[in-house]
Amino acid sequence: MTKPNMSLKKNPMPSQEPEVRAHNFDEVATGYTEEMALDEALRCLNCKNMPCVSGCPVNIHIPEFIAKIKEGDFEGAYQIISKTSSLPAVCGRVCPQESQCESKCVRGIKGEPVGIGRLERFVADWHNAHSTEAPVVAPANGHRVAIVGSGPSGLTCAGDLAKKGYKVTVYEALHTAGGVLVYGIPEFRLPKAIVQKEVDNLVAMGVDVETNIVIGKTLTIDELFEQGFEAVFVGSGAGLPNFMGIPGEAYKGVYSANEYLTRSNLMKSFRECPVTPIMKGGKVAVVGGGNVAMDAARTALRLGAEKVYIVYRRSLEELPARREEVEHAMEEGIEFKLLNNPVEIIGYNNPEDRRDPRNGFVTGMKCIRMELGEPDEKGRRRPVPVEGSEFVLDVDTVIIAIGTSPNPLIKSTTKGLEVNRKGGIVVEEATGATSREGVYAGGDAVTGAATVISAMGAGKAAAAAIDEYLSKK
């Protein structure tokens, strides 16, 4: 019998060196070897009550798949994961395991938790490299379902329904399927070939994917029902960027993180002669402290910026981004201007037309220093401006990464669909059912910007609810 590994630390993830990776778009983390995966799996105690499973939004049977790794049965481990997760190679890379499954791990009480995410990635990558079996196509049950959006919630819902024999059509507004997985997350964190592999698996299961279709404009939800679909799942994400409302946001060189990342990730603006250009080089300020801010800052660095700043109004302890992403950004040389808040973007107007700020260019960003005051309603200490502490940060480009909201297009073109004051579609929490019969929703279209795995959980719940709804018809 193999001895358990009682090391207090998880096996470190092999990665490119910071000075190398800061200048390429190759994946930063290179993944566990078989030996590393086995050694890490031996740290799992196989707890009877499985607390880690309760921390997973899609309830992956974690101790079971890790037990298969211990046996050297990597394909068996993959089959266990795929019973509940449609996107294991994606989740193993971008899920915040430290605040979910790993936060419940018993090994984390006196040391570091088991590297569950790293093991999930290893298993998924091993399967993709070695498996030659085509996905199973379930017998058709005669029902049709439309999925709006091909992000994590839409792909998960589509996969779960296809496994039950539904004829599923996924509609994607952009020219490539994958949603936020392809336009929002950079190649160095999530290679696009991995997302395409997941989409190809769904197509092999019988799912139709229609790109360049904007639901609410090209087709409405009412028209989908007229075409014979019996249920619709809305997983259209939260693609409407938020801005600060400060002077100067109309200058050239000011981007939403959504636009900046889409131009780089999807439109390939990093190429020498891109069809969709993007401002490169110079000094860049990214406003915000979440994962999207880290992605934008690290992308700007790889696009040739000479200096990149993260400007965030709270302290390091309050940064909402994953610790790993923050550490990687710091290692790569990105400077964190913490407890600072922008109050104005300064620019130079084109002398030929001073009336229109859109003809001007960014020359700097005025900030004010902050200090932490009393806790707000969420328990975080509220940032308060320090009077007389304004200063100008010398930058050429400003990227606003302070969040996104659901696009209002579907609500404005769909009768009887209730939304909340932030534009999110109102649903029954357990099922994703909306106020319109036969219409379900989940992911960022409901919650606003959140995690990939929470969106997957919503897609999974909605698929089960749609199956129950249509089975009664």
Protein backbone atom coordinates (compact mmCIF):
# COMPACT_ATOMS: atom_id res chain seq x y z
CA MET A 1 0.00 0.00 0.00
CA THR A 2 1.35 3.44 -0.98
CA LYS A 3 2.20 5.66 1.97
CA PRO A 4 0.20 8.90 2.24
CA ASN A 5 2.00 12.17 1.64
CA MET A 6 1.79 14.17 4.85
CA SER A 7 3.67 17.21 3.55
CA LEU A 8 2.11 20.46 4.78
CA LYS A 9 2.66 22.10 1.39
CA LYS A 10 1.08 21.25 -1.95
CA ASN A 11 3.30 20.48 -4.90
CA PRO A 12 4.19 23.81 -6.54
CA MET A 13 2.85 24.44 -10.02
CA PRO A 14 5.60 24.49 -12.67
CA SER A 15 5.53 27.85 -14.47
CA GLN A 16 7.43 29.98 -16.93
CA GLU A 17 9.91 32.35 -15.31
CA PRO A 18 8.44 35.87 -14.83
CA GLU A 19 11.04 37.61 -17.01
CA VAL A 20 10.23 35.19 -19.86
CA ARG A 21 6.45 34.97 -19.64
CA ALA A 22 5.97 38.75 -19.39
CA HIS A 23 6.89 38.92 -23.08
CA ASN A 24 4.80 36.10 -24.54
CA PHE A 25 1.21 34.89 -24.56
CA ASP A 26 2.06 31.24 -23.84
CA GLU A 27 0.33 29.68 -20.84
CA VAL A 28 2.05 30.74 -17.62
CA ALA A 29 1.49 27.52 -15.66
CA THR A 30 2.74 24.41 -17.45
CA GLY A 31 0.93 21.78 -15.35
CA TYR A 32 1.82 18.82 -13.16
CA THR A 33 3.74 15.81 -14.43
CA GLU A 34 2.32 12.35 -13.68
CA GLU A 35 4.75 12.02 -10.78
CA MET A 36 3.70 15.38 -9.30
CA ALA A 37 0.00 14.52 -9.69
CA LEU A 38 0.46 11.19 -7.92
CA ASP A 39 2.44 12.81 -5.11
CA GLU A 40 -0.22 15.51 -4.65
CA ALA A 41 -3.07 12.98 -4.79
CA LEU A 42 -1.43 11.10 -1.91
CA ARG A 43 -1.97 14.18 0.28
CA CYS A 44 -5.75 13.57 0.12
CA LEU A 45 -7.09 11.88 3.26
CA ASN A 46 -10.25 10.62 1.48
CA CYS A 47 -12.46 12.05 4.24
CA LYS A 48 -15.73 10.18 4.75
CA ASN A 49 -17.86 13.33 4.93
CA MET A 50 -16.10 14.88 1.90
CA PRO A 51 -16.20 18.57 2.96
CA CYS A 52 -14.48 19.64 -0.27
CA VAL A 53 -17.49 18.56 -2.37
CA SER A 54 -19.75 21.02 -0.52
CA GLY A 55 -17.48 23.84 -1.69
CA CYS A 56 -17.86 22.96 -5.38
CA PRO A 57 -20.79 24.67 -7.20
CA VAL A 58 -21.16 21.66 -9.53
CA ASN A 59 -20.49 19.03 -6.81
CA ILE A 60 -17.59 17.19 -8.42
CA HIS A 61 -16.91 13.93 -6.54
CA ILE A 62 -13.45 15.13 -5.50
CA PRO A 63 -12.16 12.33 -3.24
CA GLU A 64 -13.32 9.76 -5.81
CA PHE A 65 -11.44 11.27 -8.73
CA ILE A 66 -8.34 11.79 -6.58
CA ALA A 67 -8.50 8.13 -5.50
CA LYS A 68 -8.36 7.17 -9.19
CA ILE A 69 -5.22 9.30 -9.61
CA LYS A 70 -3.62 7.40 -6.71
CA GLU A 71 -4.32 4.18 -8.64
CA GLY A 72 -2.77 5.64 -11.80
CA ASP A 73 -6.17 5.48 -13.52
CA PHE A 74 -6.19 8.98 -15.00
CA GLU A 75 -8.95 8.26 -17.49
CA GLY A 76 -11.11 6.88 -14.70
CA ALA A 77 -10.51 10.11 -12.78
CA TYR A 78 -11.64 12.11 -15.81
CA GLN A 79 -14.83 10.07 -16.16
CA ILE A 80 -15.73 10.81 -12.53
CA ILE A 81 -15.18 14.56 -13.00
CA SER A 82 -17.13 14.65 -16.26
CA LYS A 83 -20.22 13.18 -14.58
CA THR A 84 -20.89 16.59 -13.05
CA SER A 85 -18.60 19.05 -14.88
CA SER A 86 -18.72 19.87 -18.59
CA LEU A 87 -15.53 21.97 -18.57
CA PRO A 88 -12.86 20.31 -16.40
CA ALA A 89 -9.85 21.64 -18.36
CA VAL A 90 -11.26 25.15 -18.02
CA CYS A 91 -12.18 24.88 -14.34
CA GLY A 92 -8.82 23.42 -13.44
CA ARG A 93 -7.26 26.63 -14.72
CA VAL A 94 -9.54 29.53 -13.83
CA CYS A 95 -11.75 28.49 -10.90
CA PRO A 96 -10.99 30.14 -7.53
CA GLN A 97 -10.49 26.81 -5.77
CA GLU A 98 -8.86 28.56 -2.81
CA SER A 99 -12.23 30.07 -1.85
CA GLN A 100 -14.33 27.04 -2.85
CA CYS A 101 -13.42 23.35 -2.68
CA GLU A 102 -9.90 23.84 -1.29
CA SER A 103 -11.19 26.16 1.44
CA LYS A 104 -13.07 23.16 2.88
CA CYS A 105 -10.12 20.74 2.68
CA VAL A 106 -9.12 19.24 6.05
CA ARG A 107 -5.45 19.38 5.08
CA GLY A 108 -5.76 23.17 5.03
CA ILE A 109 -6.25 23.30 8.82
CA LYS A 110 -2.56 22.66 9.51
CA GLY A 111 -0.92 23.54 6.23
CA GLU A 112 -1.95 23.95 2.62
CA PRO A 113 -5.03 22.19 1.22
CA VAL A 114 -4.75 19.51 -1.43
CA GLY A 115 -4.19 21.09 -4.88
CA ILE A 116 -7.61 20.04 -6.14
CA GLY A 117 -7.66 22.49 -9.04
CA ARG A 118 -4.19 21.47 -10.18
CA LEU A 119 -5.21 17.81 -10.10
CA GLU A 120 -8.40 18.54 -12.05
CA ARG A 121 -6.35 20.33 -14.71
CA PHE A 122 -3.88 17.43 -14.89
CA VAL A 123 -6.65 14.86 -15.34
CA ALA A 124 -8.44 16.91 -18.03
CA ASP A 125 -5.22 17.57 -19.93
CA TRP A 126 -4.24 13.89 -19.73
CA HIS A 127 -7.63 12.89 -21.15
CA ASN A 128 -7.42 15.42 -23.99
CA ALA A 129 -3.94 14.20 -24.89
CA HIS A 130 -4.67 10.47 -24.77
CA SER A 131 -8.37 9.78 -25.35
CA THR A 132 -9.51 8.82 -28.85
CA GLU A 133 -13.11 7.91 -28.01
CA ALA A 134 -15.83 10.12 -29.47
CA PRO A 135 -18.43 11.52 -27.04
CA VAL A 136 -21.57 9.43 -26.66
CA VAL A 137 -24.61 10.73 -28.58
CA ALA A 138 -27.77 10.16 -26.55
CA PRO A 139 -30.94 8.88 -28.24
CA ALA A 140 -33.13 11.83 -29.31
CA ASN A 141 -36.12 12.52 -27.06
CA GLY A 142 -37.93 14.78 -29.55
CA HIS A 143 -37.61 18.08 -27.64
CA ARG A 144 -35.78 21.23 -28.78
CA VAL A 145 -34.06 23.80 -26.53
CA ALA A 146 -32.34 27.06 -27.48
CA ILE A 147 -29.35 28.37 -25.53
CA VAL A 148 -28.53 32.09 -25.69
CA GLY A 149 -24.79 32.58 -25.23
CA SER A 150 -21.91 30.12 -25.43
CA GLY A 151 -20.14 31.03 -22.20
CA PRO A 152 -19.71 28.65 -19.25
CA SER A 153 -23.38 28.66 -18.20
CA GLY A 154 -24.64 28.14 -21.76
CA LEU A 155 -22.14 25.40 -22.60
CA THR A 156 -22.89 23.57 -19.33
CA CYS A 157 -26.64 23.75 -19.86
CA ALA A 158 -26.22 22.59 -23.46
CA GLY A 159 -24.03 19.66 -22.45
CA ASP A 160 -26.33 18.43 -19.70
CA LEU A 161 -29.38 18.62 -21.97
CA ALA A 162 -27.61 16.92 -24.88
CA LYS A 163 -26.74 14.00 -22.59
CA LYS A 164 -30.48 13.59 -21.98
CA GLY A 165 -31.33 13.49 -25.70
CA TYR A 166 -32.48 17.07 -26.28
CA LYS A 167 -31.81 18.74 -29.61
CA VAL A 168 -29.92 21.83 -28.49
CA THR A 169 -28.96 24.91 -30.50
CA VAL A 170 -26.52 27.42 -28.99
CA TYR A 171 -26.63 31.00 -30.30
CA GLU A 172 -23.47 33.12 -29.93
CA ALA A 173 -23.36 36.85 -30.77
CA LEU A 174 -19.65 36.86 -31.69
CA HIS A 175 -17.86 34.93 -34.44
CA THR A 176 -16.30 32.35 -32.10
CA ALA A 177 -18.05 30.18 -29.51
CA GLY A 178 -16.89 30.24 -25.89
CA GLY A 179 -18.20 33.54 -24.55
CA VAL A 180 -16.09 35.07 -21.79
CA LEU A 181 -13.77 32.05 -21.96
CA VAL A 182 -12.46 33.27 -25.34
CA TYR A 183 -12.98 37.03 -25.29
CA GLY A 184 -12.40 37.75 -21.62
CA ILE A 185 -9.66 35.43 -20.34
CA PRO A 186 -6.20 35.82 -21.92
CA GLU A 187 -4.36 33.02 -23.70
CA PHE A 188 -1.66 32.95 -21.01
CA ARG A 189 -4.26 31.88 -18.45
CA LEU A 190 -6.60 29.82 -20.63
CA PRO A 191 -5.43 28.66 -24.07
CA LYS A 192 -8.18 29.03 -26.64
CA ALA A 193 -7.51 25.54 -28.04
CA ILE A 194 -8.77 24.13 -24.74
CA VAL A 195 -12.05 26.04 -25.00
CA GLN A 196 -12.42 24.96 -28.64
CA LYS A 197 -11.92 21.34 -27.59
CA GLU A 198 -14.81 21.64 -25.14
CA VAL A 199 -17.03 23.22 -27.82
CA ASP A 200 -16.05 20.49 -30.31
CA ASN A 201 -17.06 17.84 -27.77
CA LEU A 202 -20.53 19.38 -27.52
CA VAL A 203 -20.86 19.49 -31.30
CA ALA A 204 -19.87 15.81 -31.44
CA MET A 205 -22.69 15.14 -28.96
CA GLY A 206 -25.16 16.68 -31.42
CA VAL A 207 -25.29 20.29 -30.19
CA ASP A 208 -25.65 22.90 -32.97
CA VAL A 209 -23.65 26.11 -32.50
CA GLU A 210 -24.74 29.20 -34.45
CA THR A 211 -22.35 32.17 -34.32
CA ASN A 212 -22.91 35.81 -35.35
CA ILE A 213 -26.49 35.64 -34.06
CA VAL A 214 -27.47 38.42 -31.65
CA ILE A 215 -30.56 37.32 -29.76
CA GLY A 216 -32.72 40.39 -29.30
CA LYS A 217 -31.66 41.76 -32.68
CA THR A 218 -31.04 39.03 -35.27
CA LEU A 219 -33.69 36.90 -33.60
CA THR A 220 -35.89 37.52 -30.57
CA ILE A 221 -36.78 34.98 -27.89
CA ASP A 222 -40.38 35.11 -29.14
CA GLU A 223 -39.15 34.11 -32.60
CA LEU A 224 -37.20 31.20 -31.14
CA PHE A 225 -40.44 29.82 -29.70
CA GLU A 226 -42.15 30.41 -33.06
CA GLN A 227 -39.41 28.31 -34.71
CA GLY A 228 -40.35 25.34 -32.53
CA PHE A 229 -38.07 25.60 -29.52
CA GLU A 230 -39.91 24.53 -26.37
CA ALA A 231 -37.60 26.18 -23.83
CA VAL A 232 -34.90 28.84 -23.88
CA PHE A 233 -31.93 29.27 -21.54
CA VAL A 234 -30.41 32.76 -21.38
CA GLY A 235 -26.72 32.68 -20.53
CA SER A 236 -25.74 35.87 -22.32
CA GLY A 237 -23.31 37.06 -19.65
CA ALA A 238 -22.61 40.57 -18.44
CA GLY A 239 -20.97 42.35 -21.35
CA LEU A 240 -21.98 45.94 -20.62
CA PRO A 241 -18.94 47.69 -19.08
CA ASN A 242 -19.22 50.01 -16.10
CA PHE A 243 -17.36 53.33 -16.06
CA MET A 244 -16.52 55.70 -13.21
CA GLY A 245 -18.25 58.80 -14.56
CA ILE A 246 -15.16 60.99 -14.11
CA PRO A 247 -14.00 63.71 -16.52
CA GLY A 248 -11.92 62.55 -19.48
CA GLU A 249 -13.32 59.05 -19.99
CA ALA A 250 -14.12 59.93 -23.63
CA TYR A 251 -10.46 60.49 -24.57
CA LYS A 252 -8.77 58.15 -27.02
CA GLY A 253 -6.67 55.72 -25.05
CA VAL A 254 -9.41 55.04 -22.48
CA TYR A 255 -10.78 51.50 -22.75
CA SER A 256 -13.16 49.35 -20.79
CA ALA A 257 -11.35 46.16 -19.79
CA ASN A 258 -14.06 44.32 -21.72
CA GLU A 259 -13.13 46.05 -24.98
CA TYR A 260 -9.39 45.88 -24.35
CA LEU A 261 -9.40 42.15 -23.64
CA THR A 262 -11.80 41.37 -26.49
CA ARG A 263 -9.57 43.21 -28.96
CA SER A 264 -6.55 41.25 -27.75
CA ASN A 265 -8.05 37.82 -27.03
CA LEU A 266 -10.64 37.48 -29.78
CA MET A 267 -9.55 39.96 -32.45
CA LYS A 268 -5.84 39.08 -32.05
CA SER A 269 -4.69 42.70 -31.81
CA PHE A 270 -1.28 41.53 -30.60
CA ARG A 271 -0.43 40.50 -34.17
CA GLU A 272 1.83 42.71 -36.26
CA CYS A 273 -0.92 43.92 -38.63
CA PRO A 274 -4.19 43.37 -36.77
CA VAL A 275 -7.59 43.93 -38.36
CA THR A 276 -8.78 45.42 -35.07
CA PRO A 277 -5.95 47.57 -33.65
CA ILE A 278 -5.25 48.44 -30.04
CA MET A 279 -2.95 51.00 -28.44
CA LYS A 280 0.34 49.35 -27.48
CA GLY A 281 3.40 50.45 -25.54
CA GLY A 282 3.70 53.53 -23.34
CA LYS A 283 2.52 53.69 -19.75
CA VAL A 284 -0.74 52.03 -18.79
CA ALA A 285 -3.02 52.41 -15.75
CA VAL A 286 -5.60 49.74 -15.00
CA VAL A 287 -8.32 50.86 -12.59
CA GLY A 288 -9.73 48.03 -10.44
CA GLY A 289 -8.59 45.10 -8.34
CA GLY A 290 -10.37 42.02 -9.64
CA ASN A 291 -9.25 39.18 -11.88
CA VAL A 292 -10.24 41.17 -14.96
CA ALA A 293 -7.98 44.02 -13.86
CA MET A 294 -5.08 41.56 -13.45
CA ASP A 295 -5.80 40.10 -16.90
CA ALA A 296 -5.86 43.56 -18.51
CA ALA A 297 -2.65 44.68 -16.78
CA ARG A 298 -0.74 41.53 -17.69
CA THR A 299 -2.03 41.73 -21.28
CA ALA A 300 -0.85 45.35 -21.56
CA LEU A 301 2.60 44.25 -20.40
CA ARG A 302 2.73 41.55 -23.07
CA LEU A 303 1.62 44.07 -25.70
CA GLY A 304 4.77 46.06 -25.02
CA ALA A 305 3.88 48.58 -22.30
CA GLU A 306 6.97 50.07 -20.69
CA LYS A 307 5.15 50.49 -17.36
CA VAL A 308 1.86 49.13 -16.04
CA TYR A 309 0.05 50.26 -12.87
CA ILE A 310 -2.86 48.72 -11.00
CA VAL A 311 -4.79 51.58 -9.37
CA TYR A 312 -7.09 50.36 -6.60
CA ARG A 313 -8.85 52.35 -3.91
CA ARG A 314 -8.49 49.81 -1.13
CA SER A 315 -5.49 47.96 0.34
CA LEU A 316 -3.84 44.69 -0.71
CA GLU A 317 -5.93 42.74 1.81
CA GLU A 318 -9.15 43.87 0.10
CA LEU A 319 -8.06 43.05 -3.46
CA PRO A 320 -10.79 40.72 -4.82
CA ALA A 321 -8.51 39.07 -7.42
CA ARG A 322 -7.17 35.56 -6.85
CA ARG A 323 -3.96 35.52 -4.82
CA GLU A 324 -2.22 33.56 -7.57
CA GLU A 325 -3.08 36.20 -10.18
CA VAL A 326 -1.91 39.03 -7.93
CA GLU A 327 1.36 37.23 -7.20
CA HIS A 328 1.94 36.57 -10.90
CA ALA A 329 1.30 40.22 -11.75
CA MET A 330 3.72 41.39 -9.08
CA GLU A 331 6.37 38.91 -10.21
CA GLU A 332 6.05 40.25 -13.74
CA GLY A 333 6.79 43.79 -12.61
CA ILE A 334 3.35 45.38 -12.51
CA GLU A 335 3.26 48.19 -9.92
CA PHE A 336 0.32 48.33 -7.50
CA LYS A 337 -0.83 51.84 -6.59
CA LEU A 338 -3.02 50.83 -3.65
CA LEU A 339 -5.25 53.17 -1.62
CA ASN A 340 -5.54 55.47 -4.64
CA ASN A 341 -8.62 56.47 -6.61
CA PRO A 342 -8.85 58.23 -10.01
CA VAL A 343 -10.75 61.52 -10.08
CA GLU A 344 -9.98 62.73 -13.63
CA ILE A 345 -8.35 61.53 -16.83
CA ILE A 346 -6.19 64.27 -18.30
CA GLY A 347 -5.76 64.60 -22.04
CA TYR A 348 -4.47 66.72 -24.89
CA ASN A 349 -7.14 67.92 -27.29
CA ASN A 350 -6.52 67.97 -31.01
CA PRO A 351 -6.07 71.70 -31.80
CA GLU A 352 -8.18 71.24 -34.95
CA ASP A 353 -11.26 70.44 -32.88
CA ARG A 354 -11.09 71.29 -29.17
CA ARG A 355 -14.86 70.95 -28.82
CA ASP A 356 -14.85 67.15 -28.94
CA PRO A 357 -12.80 65.30 -26.28
CA ARG A 358 -12.93 62.15 -28.42
CA ASN A 359 -10.32 63.80 -30.64
CA GLY A 360 -7.91 64.07 -27.70
CA PHE A 361 -5.37 61.68 -26.26
CA VAL A 362 -4.62 60.63 -22.68
CA THR A 363 -1.61 62.31 -21.07
CA GLY A 364 -2.18 61.40 -17.42
CA MET A 365 -4.62 60.42 -14.69
CA LYS A 366 -5.28 62.53 -11.62
CA CYS A 367 -5.69 60.40 -8.48
CA ILE A 368 -6.39 61.05 -4.83
CA ARG A 369 -4.95 59.02 -1.99
CA MET A 370 -7.38 57.09 0.20
CA GLU A 371 -7.48 55.73 3.72
CA LEU A 372 -9.73 53.02 5.11
CA GLY A 373 -12.59 54.20 7.29
CA GLU A 374 -15.53 52.39 8.88
CA PRO A 375 -16.79 49.05 7.46
CA ASP A 376 -19.51 49.20 4.78
CA GLU A 377 -22.62 46.98 4.58
CA LYS A 378 -20.45 44.08 3.29
CA GLY A 379 -18.01 44.39 6.19
CA ARG A 380 -15.21 45.92 4.14
CA ARG A 381 -13.67 49.13 5.45
CA ARG A 382 -14.88 52.01 3.33
CA PRO A 383 -12.17 53.99 1.47
CA VAL A 384 -12.18 57.70 2.34
CA PRO A 385 -10.30 60.41 0.34
CA VAL A 386 -7.37 62.13 2.01
CA GLU A 387 -7.90 65.85 1.54
CA GLY A 388 -5.19 67.65 -0.45
CA SER A 389 -3.46 64.44 -1.57
CA GLU A 390 -4.12 64.66 -5.32
CA PHE A 391 -1.34 63.74 -7.74
CA VAL A 392 -1.03 63.01 -11.46
CA LEU A 393 0.06 59.60 -12.71
CA ASP A 394 1.94 59.84 -16.01
CA VAL A 395 0.15 57.40 -18.37
CA ASP A 396 -0.85 57.16 -22.04
CA THR A 397 -3.56 54.52 -21.71
CA VAL A 398 -6.26 53.96 -19.08
CA ILE A 399 -8.20 50.70 -18.77
CA ILE A 400 -11.34 50.74 -16.60
CA ALA A 401 -11.90 47.36 -14.92
CA ILE A 402 -14.53 48.07 -12.28
CA GLY A 403 -17.13 45.53 -13.37
CA THR A 404 -19.81 44.87 -15.95
CA SER A 405 -23.60 44.66 -16.10
CA PRO A 406 -25.97 42.48 -18.15
CA ASN A 407 -26.75 43.87 -21.58
CA PRO A 408 -30.33 45.25 -21.65
CA LEU A 409 -31.00 44.02 -25.21
CA ILE A 410 -32.78 40.78 -24.29
CA LYS A 411 -34.95 42.44 -21.64
CA SER A 412 -35.96 45.23 -24.01
CA THR A 413 -37.03 42.76 -26.73
CA THR A 414 -38.68 40.07 -24.57
CA LYS A 415 -42.16 40.51 -23.12
CA GLY A 416 -42.79 39.48 -19.54
CA LEU A 417 -39.14 39.12 -18.50
CA GLU A 418 -38.51 40.65 -15.08
CA VAL A 419 -35.13 42.21 -14.27
CA ASN A 420 -33.74 43.82 -11.13
CA ARG A 421 -32.45 47.38 -10.72
CA LYS A 422 -28.98 46.33 -11.89
CA GLY A 423 -30.32 44.78 -15.08
CA GLY A 424 -29.95 41.17 -13.98
CA ILE A 425 -32.71 38.75 -14.98
CA VAL A 426 -34.79 37.74 -11.96
CA VAL A 427 -34.94 33.95 -11.52
CA GLU A 428 -35.92 31.28 -9.02
CA GLU A 429 -32.60 30.52 -7.34
CA ALA A 430 -32.89 26.74 -7.40
CA THR A 431 -34.11 26.35 -10.99
CA GLY A 432 -33.18 29.45 -12.98
CA ALA A 433 -36.84 29.85 -14.02
CA THR A 434 -37.71 33.43 -15.04
CA SER A 435 -41.03 35.26 -14.94
CA ARG A 436 -41.65 34.10 -18.52
CA GLU A 437 -42.83 30.48 -18.88
CA GLY A 438 -40.32 28.29 -20.66
CA VAL A 439 -37.50 30.83 -20.30
CA TYR A 440 -34.65 30.10 -17.89
CA ALA A 441 -31.50 32.09 -17.16
CA GLY A 442 -28.23 31.79 -15.29
CA GLY A 443 -24.67 33.00 -14.92
CA ASP A 444 -23.63 36.64 -15.23
CA ALA A 445 -26.89 37.57 -17.02
CA VAL A 446 -28.52 37.00 -13.62
CA THR A 447 -25.84 37.79 -11.05
CA GLY A 448 -23.62 40.28 -12.85
CA ALA A 449 -19.94 39.43 -13.25
CA ALA A 450 -19.07 36.34 -11.18
CA THR A 451 -16.95 33.18 -11.46
CA VAL A 452 -16.89 30.61 -14.26
CA ILE A 453 -17.80 27.77 -11.89
CA SER A 454 -20.79 29.61 -10.40
CA ALA A 455 -22.07 30.23 -13.94
CA MET A 456 -21.62 26.52 -14.67
CA GLY A 457 -23.57 25.66 -11.52
CA ALA A 458 -26.44 27.86 -12.71
CA GLY A 459 -26.40 26.25 -16.15
CA LYS A 460 -26.49 22.81 -14.57
CA ALA A 461 -29.43 23.69 -12.31
CA ALA A 462 -31.34 25.19 -15.23
CA ALA A 463 -30.76 22.09 -17.39
CA ALA A 464 -32.29 19.90 -14.68
CA ALA A 465 -35.25 22.29 -14.36
CA ILE A 466 -35.79 22.42 -18.14
CA ASP A 467 -35.72 18.61 -18.28
CA GLU A 468 -38.35 18.41 -15.57
CA TYR A 469 -40.47 21.11 -17.27
CA LEU A 470 -40.40 19.49 -20.73
CA SER A 471 -40.84 15.94 -19.46
CA LYS A 472 -44.33 16.97 -18.35
CA LYS A 473 -45.35 18.29 -21.78
